[in-house]
Protein backbone atom coordinates (compact mmCIF):
# COMPACT_ATOMS: atom_id res chain seq x y z
CA MET A 1 -0.05 0.09 -0.18
CA LYS A 2 1.05 3.36 -0.77
CA THR A 3 1.37 6.07 1.12
CA SER A 4 0.64 9.33 -0.20
CA ARG A 5 3.07 12.76 0.25
CA SER A 6 0.16 14.81 1.33
CA ASN A 7 0.07 12.96 4.85
CA VAL A 8 4.16 14.08 5.28
CA VAL A 9 4.42 17.28 7.72
CA ARG A 10 7.52 19.05 7.13
CA THR A 11 8.86 21.34 9.78
CA PRO A 12 10.57 24.69 7.93
CA LYS A 13 14.24 24.44 7.98
CA VAL A 14 15.60 27.70 9.80
CA CYS A 15 18.74 29.76 9.34
CA HIS A 16 21.25 28.41 11.87
CA PHE A 17 22.40 31.91 11.96
CA CYS A 18 19.72 34.16 12.37
CA VAL A 19 18.36 31.64 15.08
CA ASN A 20 21.57 32.17 16.65
CA ALA A 21 22.09 35.81 16.14
CA ILE A 22 25.52 35.34 14.18
CA ASP A 23 26.31 38.28 12.23
CA ASP A 24 29.56 37.32 10.83
CA VAL A 25 30.40 33.75 9.14
CA ASP A 26 34.57 33.31 10.71
CA TYR A 27 36.09 31.68 8.04
CA LYS A 28 38.54 30.70 11.85
CA ASP A 29 35.28 28.66 12.96
CA VAL A 30 36.21 25.01 10.97
CA ARG A 31 33.57 23.62 13.05
CA THR A 32 30.66 25.43 11.62
CA ILE A 33 31.79 26.07 8.52
CA GLN A 34 32.52 21.70 8.00
CA ARG A 35 28.21 21.65 9.10
CA PHE A 36 27.74 23.37 5.77
CA MET A 37 29.71 21.12 3.52
CA THR A 38 28.88 18.31 1.76
CA SER A 39 31.17 14.48 2.18
CA TYR A 40 33.19 15.76 -1.23
CA ALA A 41 33.93 19.34 0.71
CA LYS A 42 31.39 20.97 -1.79
CA ILE A 43 29.27 23.88 -0.59
CA ALA A 44 25.29 22.80 0.58
CA SER A 45 22.91 24.59 -1.08
CA ARG A 46 20.49 26.41 0.85
CA HIS A 47 17.89 23.54 0.04
CA ARG A 48 19.35 21.50 1.69
CA THR A 49 20.92 23.78 5.03
CA GLY A 50 18.11 26.11 5.40
CA THR A 51 19.88 29.00 5.25
CA CYS A 52 19.22 32.46 4.05
CA ASN A 53 20.62 34.00 1.20
CA LYS A 54 22.41 36.43 3.05
CA HIS A 55 24.25 33.63 5.20
CA GLN A 56 24.46 31.67 2.48
CA ARG A 57 26.86 34.11 0.73
CA ARG A 58 28.31 34.73 3.55
CA LEU A 59 29.01 31.23 4.27
CA ALA A 60 30.30 30.79 0.46
CA GLU A 61 32.62 33.27 1.13
CA ALA A 62 33.74 32.13 4.37
CA ILE A 63 34.43 28.65 2.89
CA LYS A 64 36.35 29.78 0.43
CA ARG A 65 38.41 31.57 2.63
CA ALA A 66 39.23 28.71 4.62
CA ARG A 67 40.20 26.83 1.58
CA PHE A 68 42.83 29.61 0.32
CA LEU A 69 44.59 28.98 3.71
CA ALA A 70 44.21 25.49 4.03
CA LEU A 71 41.55 25.68 6.98
CA VAL A 72 39.06 23.44 4.80
CA PRO A 73 40.61 21.08 2.02
CA TYR A 74 39.05 21.76 -1.74
CA THR A 75 38.09 18.11 -2.10
CA LEU A 76 38.55 14.97 -0.32
CA ARG A 77 39.28 12.81 -3.49
């Protein structure tokens, strides 16, 4: 018996940075940055992580800076 998708209740994702009142995404905070990366060290999308547009742009910039300074790898392979 198939279940329809209309029975699934999803809670909306909220921005981690807005909820915790974090204004600046710090590139030196590797633990937080890795939370928003995939297993292949790619930047995860807004749809998957739930970040707002403003913080997604700042997060991407912080990840790129951390990569340049060798705090986070470019790829894991």
